[in-house]
């Protein structure tokens, strides 16, 4: 089965040209990328991405410091997600990012900075494609509209106490049907999506702000700082304070040892 694939890329100042069979979404995290597609000059920067069409030869370069989320979208995967009409109409042109979509891009990038399994990357890729297609189409008949409604609700309320029943009610679905949609379309569960979004937002705030760790935990939907610490240890093997130090130093965070190991003698203060 065809899958959408997500990666975090940096581009060089030298112009490179190639082509690939799949469509490709290039979404800016930092910096700007200039592209030439079929004689059309485009730029991925700020709140504008680019959708490169499959089989189209394109040239690109980024002279300054940059990072981009890149989503490879085979047509079969786009059809499964219900996003094929939007992709076919948008391919070869710009993709506008509103505030909600831009937040998801930054949150996904923050998760990928910590590594991220293949399954997690595919989940984020599917969520981003669905979100952008929904923003671009505004047509409920072209994709699983009730799933999009559920995703929007989670995106807007992940920092609040949420249950599967809450999300299902907003999407006008039974909890069982909602679970089936998440599993078959996104390959994840409602609880996993809420947890991933909370952790991604917390990771971004730890990396980019000076807010206290306890405040970040509460802002992102955790009961307290220790809940955030456990979640971050479980997913990435680091503490919030260690992740913050690594972000400021520009070096990867060193995984912490399991509780009881030598690296955890300092206790739960982080």
C-alpha atoms as a PDB file:
ATOM      1  CA  UNK A   1       0.000   0.000   0.000  1.00  0.00           C
ATOM      2  CA  UNK A   2       1.318   3.459  -0.911  1.00  0.00           C
ATOM      3  CA  UNK A   3       2.188   5.666   2.070  1.00  0.00           C
ATOM      4  CA  UNK A   4       2.889   9.344   2.543  1.00  0.00           C
ATOM      5  CA  UNK A   5       6.418   9.887   3.860  1.00  0.00           C
ATOM      6  CA  UNK A   6       7.674  12.808   5.946  1.00  0.00           C
ATOM      7  CA  UNK A   7      11.238  14.082   6.382  1.00  0.00           C
ATOM      8  CA  UNK A   8      13.003  17.189   7.672  1.00  0.00           C
ATOM      9  CA  UNK A   9      15.357  18.543   5.004  1.00  0.00           C
ATOM     10  CA  UNK A  10      17.998  21.226   4.549  1.00  0.00           C
ATOM     11  CA  UNK A  11      18.909  22.481   1.072  1.00  0.00           C
ATOM     12  CA  UNK A  12      22.194  23.792  -0.317  1.00  0.00           C
ATOM     13  CA  UNK A  13      22.926  27.081  -2.068  1.00  0.00           C
ATOM     14  CA  UNK A  14      23.925  25.269  -5.274  1.00  0.00           C
ATOM     15  CA  UNK A  15      21.109  24.796  -7.767  1.00  0.00           C
ATOM     16  CA  UNK A  16      20.007  21.168  -8.064  1.00  0.00           C
ATOM     17  CA  UNK A  17      17.535  19.789 -10.609  1.00  0.00           C
ATOM     18  CA  UNK A  18      15.763  16.429 -10.652  1.00  0.00           C
ATOM     19  CA  UNK A  19      12.360  14.763 -10.887  1.00  0.00           C
ATOM     20  CA  UNK A  20      10.482  12.046  -9.003  1.00  0.00           C
ATOM     21  CA  UNK A  21       7.319  10.055  -9.636  1.00  0.00           C
ATOM     22  CA  UNK A  22       5.476  11.176  -6.499  1.00  0.00           C
ATOM     23  CA  UNK A  23       4.021  14.565  -5.668  1.00  0.00           C
ATOM     24  CA  UNK A  24       5.971  16.424  -2.992  1.00  0.00           C
ATOM     25  CA  UNK A  25       4.883  19.052  -0.474  1.00  0.00           C
ATOM     26  CA  UNK A  26       7.663  21.405   0.654  1.00  0.00           C
ATOM     27  CA  UNK A  27       6.662  23.274   3.823  1.00  0.00           C
ATOM     28  CA  UNK A  28       8.918  25.941   5.363  1.00  0.00           C
ATOM     29  CA  UNK A  29      10.115  25.680   8.949  1.00  0.00           C
ATOM     30  CA  UNK A  30      13.015  28.117   8.627  1.00  0.00           C
ATOM     31  CA  UNK A  31      14.503  30.075   5.720  1.00  0.00           C
ATOM     32  CA  UNK A  32      13.454  30.177   2.065  1.00  0.00           C
ATOM     33  CA  UNK A  33      13.710  27.799  -0.887  1.00  0.00           C
ATOM     34  CA  UNK A  34      13.533  29.007  -4.505  1.00  0.00           C
ATOM     35  CA  UNK A  35      12.066  26.544  -7.020  1.00  0.00           C
ATOM     36  CA  UNK A  36      11.592  26.559 -10.769  1.00  0.00           C
ATOM     37  CA  UNK A  37       8.878  24.180 -12.017  1.00  0.00           C
ATOM     38  CA  UNK A  38       7.991  24.122 -15.692  1.00  0.00           C
ATOM     39  CA  UNK A  39       9.204  27.679 -16.175  1.00  0.00           C
ATOM     40  CA  UNK A  40       7.273  28.940 -13.149  1.00  0.00           C
ATOM     41  CA  UNK A  41       9.300  30.545 -10.348  1.00  0.00           C
ATOM     42  CA  UNK A  42       8.071  29.721  -6.849  1.00  0.00           C
ATOM     43  CA  UNK A  43       9.282  30.304  -3.312  1.00  0.00           C
ATOM     44  CA  UNK A  44       8.670  28.274  -0.151  1.00  0.00           C
ATOM     45  CA  UNK A  45       9.038  30.616   2.820  1.00  0.00           C
ATOM     46  CA  UNK A  46       7.057  31.993   5.743  1.00  0.00           C
ATOM     47  CA  UNK A  47       3.407  31.007   5.319  1.00  0.00           C
ATOM     48  CA  UNK A  48       3.767  29.657   1.793  1.00  0.00           C
ATOM     49  CA  UNK A  49       4.769  26.144   0.809  1.00  0.00           C
ATOM     50  CA  UNK A  50       5.028  24.588  -2.637  1.00  0.00           C
ATOM     51  CA  UNK A  51       3.465  21.438  -4.096  1.00  0.00           C
ATOM     52  CA  UNK A  52       5.855  19.895  -6.619  1.00  0.00           C
ATOM     53  CA  UNK A  53       3.975  17.728  -9.147  1.00  0.00           C
ATOM     54  CA  UNK A  54       5.037  14.163  -9.804  1.00  0.00           C
ATOM     55  CA  UNK A  55       7.242  13.574 -12.863  1.00  0.00           C
ATOM     56  CA  UNK A  56       7.919  17.316 -13.254  1.00  0.00           C
ATOM     57  CA  UNK A  57      11.553  18.315 -13.590  1.00  0.00           C
ATOM     58  CA  UNK A  58      12.285  21.074 -11.077  1.00  0.00           C
ATOM     59  CA  UNK A  59      15.294  23.048  -9.897  1.00  0.00           C
ATOM     60  CA  UNK A  60      15.790  24.385  -6.385  1.00  0.00           C
ATOM     61  CA  UNK A  61      18.282  26.169  -4.129  1.00  0.00           C
ATOM     62  CA  UNK A  62      18.352  27.784  -0.689  1.00  0.00           C
ATOM     63  CA  UNK A  63      21.294  30.184  -0.190  1.00  0.00           C
ATOM     64  CA  UNK A  64      20.765  30.756   3.540  1.00  0.00           C
ATOM     65  CA  UNK A  65      20.167  28.684   6.669  1.00  0.00           C
ATOM     66  CA  UNK A  66      17.005  26.649   6.158  1.00  0.00           C
ATOM     67  CA  UNK A  67      14.825  23.725   7.236  1.00  0.00           C
ATOM     68  CA  UNK A  68      11.770  22.312   5.485  1.00  0.00           C
ATOM     69  CA  UNK A  69       9.260  19.577   6.089  1.00  0.00           C
ATOM     70  CA  UNK A  70       9.047  17.493   2.927  1.00  0.00           C
ATOM     71  CA  UNK A  71       6.097  15.150   2.365  1.00  0.00           C
ATOM     72  CA  UNK A  72       6.283  12.603  -0.449  1.00  0.00           C
ATOM     73  CA  UNK A  73       2.715  11.910  -1.614  1.00  0.00           C
ATOM     74  CA  UNK A  74       2.163   9.042  -4.084  1.00  0.00           C
ATOM     75  CA  UNK A  75      -1.118   9.514  -5.928  1.00  0.00           C
ATOM     76  CA  UNK A  76      -2.521   6.284  -4.469  1.00  0.00           C
ATOM     77  CA  UNK A  77      -1.882   7.589  -0.950  1.00  0.00           C
ATOM     78  CA  UNK A  78      -3.532  10.915  -1.826  1.00  0.00           C
ATOM     79  CA  UNK A  79      -6.597   9.039  -3.052  1.00  0.00           C
ATOM     80  CA  UNK A  80      -6.761   6.996   0.140  1.00  0.00           C
ATOM     81  CA  UNK A  81      -6.667  10.194   2.197  1.00  0.00           C
ATOM     82  CA  UNK A  82      -9.304  11.819  -0.006  1.00  0.00           C
ATOM     83  CA  UNK A  83      -6.874  14.581  -0.977  1.00  0.00           C
ATOM     84  CA  UNK A  84      -6.232  13.658  -4.632  1.00  0.00           C
ATOM     85  CA  UNK A  85      -8.516  16.349  -6.191  1.00  0.00           C
ATOM     86  CA  UNK A  86      -6.824  19.109  -4.196  1.00  0.00           C
ATOM     87  CA  UNK A  87      -3.337  17.797  -4.970  1.00  0.00           C
ATOM     88  CA  UNK A  88      -4.028  17.517  -8.692  1.00  0.00           C
ATOM     89  CA  UNK A  89      -5.347  21.082  -8.838  1.00  0.00           C
ATOM     90  CA  UNK A  90      -2.622  22.562  -6.620  1.00  0.00           C
ATOM     91  CA  UNK A  91       0.410  20.714  -8.019  1.00  0.00           C
ATOM     92  CA  UNK A  92       2.939  23.090  -9.518  1.00  0.00           C
ATOM     93  CA  UNK A  93       1.831  26.019  -7.409  1.00  0.00           C
ATOM     94  CA  UNK A  94       1.987  27.584  -3.938  1.00  0.00           C
ATOM     95  CA  UNK A  95       0.312  26.186  -0.831  1.00  0.00           C
ATOM     96  CA  UNK A  96      -0.916  28.797   1.660  1.00  0.00           C
ATOM     97  CA  UNK A  97      -0.485  28.043   5.361  1.00  0.00           C
ATOM     98  CA  UNK A  98      -2.900  29.604   7.811  1.00  0.00           C
ATOM     99  CA  UNK A  99      -2.037  29.947  11.501  1.00  0.00           C
ATOM    100  CA  UNK A 100      -3.328  26.482  12.399  1.00  0.00           C
ATOM    101  CA  UNK A 101      -1.461  24.739   9.589  1.00  0.00           C
ATOM    102  CA  UNK A 102       1.728  26.666  10.390  1.00  0.00           C
ATOM    103  CA  UNK A 103       1.480  25.503  14.013  1.00  0.00           C
ATOM    104  CA  UNK A 104       1.190  21.895  12.871  1.00  0.00           C
ATOM    105  CA  UNK A 105       4.242  22.311  10.631  1.00  0.00           C
ATOM    106  CA  UNK A 106       6.307  23.648  13.545  1.00  0.00           C
ATOM    107  CA  UNK A 107       4.995  20.954  15.878  1.00  0.00           C
ATOM    108  CA  UNK A 108       5.826  18.178  13.408  1.00  0.00           C
ATOM    109  CA  UNK A 109       9.306  19.625  12.888  1.00  0.00           C
ATOM    110  CA  UNK A 110       9.848  19.695  16.656  1.00  0.00           C
ATOM    111  CA  UNK A 111       8.941  16.000  16.856  1.00  0.00           C
ATOM    112  CA  UNK A 112      11.253  15.110  13.966  1.00  0.00           C
ATOM    113  CA  UNK A 113      14.087  16.997  15.661  1.00  0.00           C
ATOM    114  CA  UNK A 114      13.844  14.307  18.324  1.00  0.00           C
ATOM    115  CA  UNK A 115      14.064  11.480  15.774  1.00  0.00           C
ATOM    116  CA  UNK A 116      10.620   9.996  15.224  1.00  0.00           C
ATOM    117  CA  UNK A 117       9.772   6.476  14.081  1.00  0.00           C
ATOM    118  CA  UNK A 118       8.600   5.691  10.552  1.00  0.00           C
ATOM    119  CA  UNK A 119       5.069   5.177  11.881  1.00  0.00           C
ATOM    120  CA  UNK A 120       5.090   8.541  13.683  1.00  0.00           C
ATOM    121  CA  UNK A 121       6.383  10.337  10.588  1.00  0.00           C
ATOM    122  CA  UNK A 122       3.639   8.807   8.459  1.00  0.00           C
ATOM    123  CA  UNK A 123       0.997   9.833  10.983  1.00  0.00           C
ATOM    124  CA  UNK A 124       2.207  13.446  10.909  1.00  0.00           C
ATOM    125  CA  UNK A 125       2.408  13.343   7.101  1.00  0.00           C
ATOM    126  CA  UNK A 126      -1.191  12.148   6.808  1.00  0.00           C
ATOM    127  CA  UNK A 127      -2.397  14.779   9.268  1.00  0.00           C
ATOM    128  CA  UNK A 128      -0.606  17.586   7.409  1.00  0.00           C
ATOM    129  CA  UNK A 129      -1.902  16.497   3.990  1.00  0.00           C
ATOM    130  CA  UNK A 130      -5.457  16.258   5.326  1.00  0.00           C
ATOM    131  CA  UNK A 131      -5.190  19.641   7.014  1.00  0.00           C
ATOM    132  CA  UNK A 132      -3.818  21.410   3.948  1.00  0.00           C
ATOM    133  CA  UNK A 133      -6.338  19.750   1.643  1.00  0.00           C
ATOM    134  CA  UNK A 134      -9.162  20.827   3.950  1.00  0.00           C
ATOM    135  CA  UNK A 135      -7.848  24.400   3.989  1.00  0.00           C
ATOM    136  CA  UNK A 136      -7.423  24.360   0.211  1.00  0.00           C
ATOM    137  CA  UNK A 137     -10.689  22.732  -0.789  1.00  0.00           C
ATOM    138  CA  UNK A 138     -13.259  23.836   1.781  1.00  0.00           C
ATOM    139  CA  UNK A 139     -15.419  21.135   0.241  1.00  0.00           C
ATOM    140  CA  UNK A 140     -16.630  18.412   2.649  1.00  0.00           C
ATOM    141  CA  UNK A 141     -17.544  16.097  -0.191  1.00  0.00           C
ATOM    142  CA  UNK A 142     -13.964  15.720  -1.370  1.00  0.00           C
ATOM    143  CA  UNK A 143     -12.483  14.046   1.730  1.00  0.00           C
ATOM    144  CA  UNK A 144     -13.530  12.423   5.046  1.00  0.00           C
ATOM    145  CA  UNK A 145     -15.087  15.622   6.375  1.00  0.00           C
ATOM    146  CA  UNK A 146     -15.999  14.189   9.768  1.00  0.00           C
ATOM    147  CA  UNK A 147     -12.432  13.021  10.262  1.00  0.00           C
ATOM    148  CA  UNK A 148     -11.216  16.516   9.390  1.00  0.00           C
ATOM    149  CA  UNK A 149     -13.696  17.934  11.863  1.00  0.00           C
ATOM    150  CA  UNK A 150     -12.258  15.653  14.547  1.00  0.00           C
ATOM    151  CA  UNK A 151      -8.690  16.643  13.663  1.00  0.00           C
ATOM    152  CA  UNK A 152      -9.530  20.347  13.792  1.00  0.00           C
ATOM    153  CA  UNK A 153     -11.169  19.898  17.183  1.00  0.00           C
ATOM    154  CA  UNK A 154      -8.112  18.060  18.551  1.00  0.00           C
ATOM    155  CA  UNK A 155      -5.798  20.703  17.075  1.00  0.00           C
ATOM    156  CA  UNK A 156      -7.748  23.494  18.780  1.00  0.00           C
ATOM    157  CA  UNK A 157      -8.360  21.756  22.127  1.00  0.00           C
ATOM    158  CA  UNK A 158      -5.419  19.396  22.713  1.00  0.00           C
ATOM    159  CA  UNK A 159      -4.313  21.593  25.624  1.00  0.00           C
ATOM    160  CA  UNK A 160      -7.617  20.881  27.407  1.00  0.00           C
ATOM    161  CA  UNK A 161      -8.831  17.659  29.069  1.00  0.00           C
ATOM    162  CA  UNK A 162     -10.128  15.635  26.103  1.00  0.00           C
ATOM    163  CA  UNK A 163     -11.727  12.215  25.818  1.00  0.00           C
ATOM    164  CA  UNK A 164     -12.518  10.121  22.771  1.00  0.00           C
ATOM    165  CA  UNK A 165     -16.192  10.737  23.505  1.00  0.00           C
ATOM    166  CA  UNK A 166     -15.620  14.515  23.354  1.00  0.00           C
ATOM    167  CA  UNK A 167     -13.960  14.266  19.933  1.00  0.00           C
ATOM    168  CA  UNK A 168     -16.540  11.810  18.596  1.00  0.00           C
ATOM    169  CA  UNK A 169     -19.399  14.063  19.672  1.00  0.00           C
ATOM    170  CA  UNK A 170     -17.901  17.068  17.900  1.00  0.00           C
ATOM    171  CA  UNK A 171     -17.412  14.974  14.728  1.00  0.00           C
ATOM    172  CA  UNK A 172     -20.968  13.581  15.004  1.00  0.00           C
ATOM    173  CA  UNK A 173     -19.653  10.011  15.044  1.00  0.00           C
ATOM    174  CA  UNK A 174     -19.808   7.150  17.495  1.00  0.00           C
ATOM    175  CA  UNK A 175     -16.534   6.550  19.383  1.00  0.00           C
ATOM    176  CA  UNK A 176     -16.179   3.211  17.596  1.00  0.00           C
ATOM    177  CA  UNK A 177     -16.594   4.740  14.129  1.00  0.00           C
ATOM    178  CA  UNK A 178     -14.162   7.519  14.978  1.00  0.00           C
ATOM    179  CA  UNK A 179     -11.583   4.975  16.154  1.00  0.00           C
ATOM    180  CA  UNK A 180     -12.045   3.044  12.888  1.00  0.00           C
ATOM    181  CA  UNK A 181     -11.469   6.194  10.797  1.00  0.00           C
ATOM    182  CA  UNK A 182      -8.308   7.086  12.694  1.00  0.00           C
ATOM    183  CA  UNK A 183      -6.950   3.559  12.354  1.00  0.00           C
ATOM    184  CA  UNK A 184      -7.754   3.072   8.663  1.00  0.00           C
ATOM    185  CA  UNK A 185      -6.890   6.565   7.367  1.00  0.00           C
ATOM    186  CA  UNK A 186      -4.139   7.803   9.709  1.00  0.00           C
ATOM    187  CA  UNK A 187      -2.818   4.562  11.203  1.00  0.00           C
ATOM    188  CA  UNK A 188      -3.127   5.868  14.771  1.00  0.00           C
ATOM    189  CA  UNK A 189      -5.693   6.364  17.545  1.00  0.00           C
ATOM    190  CA  UNK A 190      -7.424   9.450  18.918  1.00  0.00           C
ATOM    191  CA  UNK A 191      -5.488   9.198  22.191  1.00  0.00           C
ATOM    192  CA  UNK A 192      -2.165   8.845  20.380  1.00  0.00           C
ATOM    193  CA  UNK A 193      -2.900  11.898  18.222  1.00  0.00           C
ATOM    194  CA  UNK A 194      -3.783  14.015  21.260  1.00  0.00           C
ATOM    195  CA  UNK A 195      -0.648  12.840  23.083  1.00  0.00           C
ATOM    196  CA  UNK A 196       1.581  13.478  20.049  1.00  0.00           C
ATOM    197  CA  UNK A 197       0.244  16.996  19.523  1.00  0.00           C
ATOM    198  CA  UNK A 198       0.637  17.886  23.201  1.00  0.00           C
ATOM    199  CA  UNK A 199       4.189  16.602  23.265  1.00  0.00           C
ATOM    200  CA  UNK A 200       5.096  18.348  20.010  1.00  0.00           C
ATOM    201  CA  UNK A 201       3.798  21.676  21.311  1.00  0.00           C
ATOM    202  CA  UNK A 202       5.655  21.194  24.583  1.00  0.00           C
ATOM    203  CA  UNK A 203       8.848  20.364  22.686  1.00  0.00           C
ATOM    204  CA  UNK A 204       8.506  23.522  20.611  1.00  0.00           C
ATOM    205  CA  UNK A 205       7.949  25.717  23.684  1.00  0.00           C
ATOM    206  CA  UNK A 206      10.900  24.130  25.494  1.00  0.00           C
ATOM    207  CA  UNK A 207      13.127  24.729  22.486  1.00  0.00           C
ATOM    208  CA  UNK A 208      12.001  28.244  21.541  1.00  0.00           C
ATOM    209  CA  UNK A 209      10.860  30.023  24.725  1.00  0.00           C
ATOM    210  CA  UNK A 210      11.999  30.754  28.270  1.00  0.00           C
ATOM    211  CA  UNK A 211       8.706  29.712  29.852  1.00  0.00           C
ATOM    212  CA  UNK A 212       9.031  27.589  32.982  1.00  0.00           C
ATOM    213  CA  UNK A 213       8.695  23.851  32.503  1.00  0.00           C
ATOM    214  CA  UNK A 214       5.709  23.656  34.868  1.00  0.00           C
ATOM    215  CA  UNK A 215       3.932  26.422  32.923  1.00  0.00           C
ATOM    216  CA  UNK A 216       4.647  24.717  29.605  1.00  0.00           C
ATOM    217  CA  UNK A 217       3.212  21.469  30.982  1.00  0.00           C
ATOM    218  CA  UNK A 218      -0.031  23.177  31.962  1.00  0.00           C
ATOM    219  CA  UNK A 219      -0.274  25.111  28.670  1.00  0.00           C
ATOM    220  CA  UNK A 220       0.047  21.878  26.703  1.00  0.00           C
ATOM    221  CA  UNK A 221      -2.583  19.889  28.576  1.00  0.00           C
ATOM    222  CA  UNK A 222      -0.508  17.980  31.139  1.00  0.00           C
ATOM    223  CA  UNK A 223      -1.722  17.731  34.722  1.00  0.00           C
ATOM    224  CA  UNK A 224       1.681  18.834  36.016  1.00  0.00           C
ATOM    225  CA  UNK A 225       5.396  18.964  35.203  1.00  0.00           C
ATOM    226  CA  UNK A 226       5.995  15.338  36.175  1.00  0.00           C
ATOM    227  CA  UNK A 227       3.435  14.171  33.581  1.00  0.00           C
ATOM    228  CA  UNK A 228       5.280  16.087  30.865  1.00  0.00           C
ATOM    229  CA  UNK A 229       8.604  14.664  32.047  1.00  0.00           C
ATOM    230  CA  UNK A 230       7.282  11.087  31.916  1.00  0.00           C
ATOM    231  CA  UNK A 231       5.830  11.618  28.448  1.00  0.00           C
ATOM    232  CA  UNK A 232       9.043  13.119  27.093  1.00  0.00           C
ATOM    233  CA  UNK A 233      11.177  10.373  28.662  1.00  0.00           C
ATOM    234  CA  UNK A 234       8.910   7.685  27.221  1.00  0.00           C
ATOM    235  CA  UNK A 235       8.855   9.123  23.676  1.00  0.00           C
ATOM    236  CA  UNK A 236      12.349  10.602  23.285  1.00  0.00           C
ATOM    237  CA  UNK A 237      14.331   9.344  26.283  1.00  0.00           C
ATOM    238  CA  UNK A 238      15.179  12.847  27.547  1.00  0.00           C
ATOM    239  CA  UNK A 239      13.965  15.214  30.256  1.00  0.00           C
ATOM    240  CA  UNK A 240      12.469  18.643  29.512  1.00  0.00           C
ATOM    241  CA  UNK A 241      15.510  20.431  30.952  1.00  0.00           C
ATOM    242  CA  UNK A 242      17.912  18.280  28.920  1.00  0.00           C
ATOM    243  CA  UNK A 243      15.965  18.962  25.733  1.00  0.00           C
ATOM    244  CA  UNK A 244      16.018  22.711  26.457  1.00  0.00           C
ATOM    245  CA  UNK A 245      19.791  22.697  27.054  1.00  0.00           C
ATOM    246  CA  UNK A 246      20.350  20.781  23.826  1.00  0.00           C
ATOM    247  CA  UNK A 247      18.188  23.208  21.820  1.00  0.00           C
ATOM    248  CA  UNK A 248      20.170  26.177  23.133  1.00  0.00           C
ATOM    249  CA  UNK A 249      23.530  24.534  22.497  1.00  0.00           C
ATOM    250  CA  UNK A 250      22.603  23.257  19.033  1.00  0.00           C
ATOM    251  CA  UNK A 251      23.587  19.701  19.996  1.00  0.00           C
ATOM    252  CA  UNK A 252      21.313  16.638  20.145  1.00  0.00           C
ATOM    253  CA  UNK A 253      19.914  15.837  23.584  1.00  0.00           C
ATOM    254  CA  UNK A 254      21.603  12.892  25.259  1.00  0.00           C
ATOM    255  CA  UNK A 255      19.138  10.138  26.226  1.00  0.00           C
ATOM    256  CA  UNK A 256      18.756   9.689  29.967  1.00  0.00           C
ATOM    257  CA  UNK A 257      19.229   6.354  31.655  1.00  0.00           C
ATOM    258  CA  UNK A 258      16.185   4.512  33.011  1.00  0.00           C
ATOM    259  CA  UNK A 259      15.182   5.371  36.551  1.00  0.00           C
ATOM    260  CA  UNK A 260      17.689   3.852  38.940  1.00  0.00           C
ATOM    261  CA  UNK A 261      20.545   4.186  36.421  1.00  0.00           C
ATOM    262  CA  UNK A 262      23.515   6.449  37.025  1.00  0.00           C
ATOM    263  CA  UNK A 263      22.211   9.196  34.727  1.00  0.00           C
ATOM    264  CA  UNK A 264      19.027   9.583  36.785  1.00  0.00           C
ATOM    265  CA  UNK A 265      20.618  10.245  40.204  1.00  0.00           C
ATOM    266  CA  UNK A 266      19.652  13.911  40.047  1.00  0.00           C
ATOM    267  CA  UNK A 267      16.063  12.932  40.675  1.00  0.00           C
ATOM    268  CA  UNK A 268      12.857  14.265  39.223  1.00  0.00           C
ATOM    269  CA  UNK A 269      13.663  17.980  39.239  1.00  0.00           C
ATOM    270  CA  UNK A 270      13.900  18.019  35.446  1.00  0.00           C
END
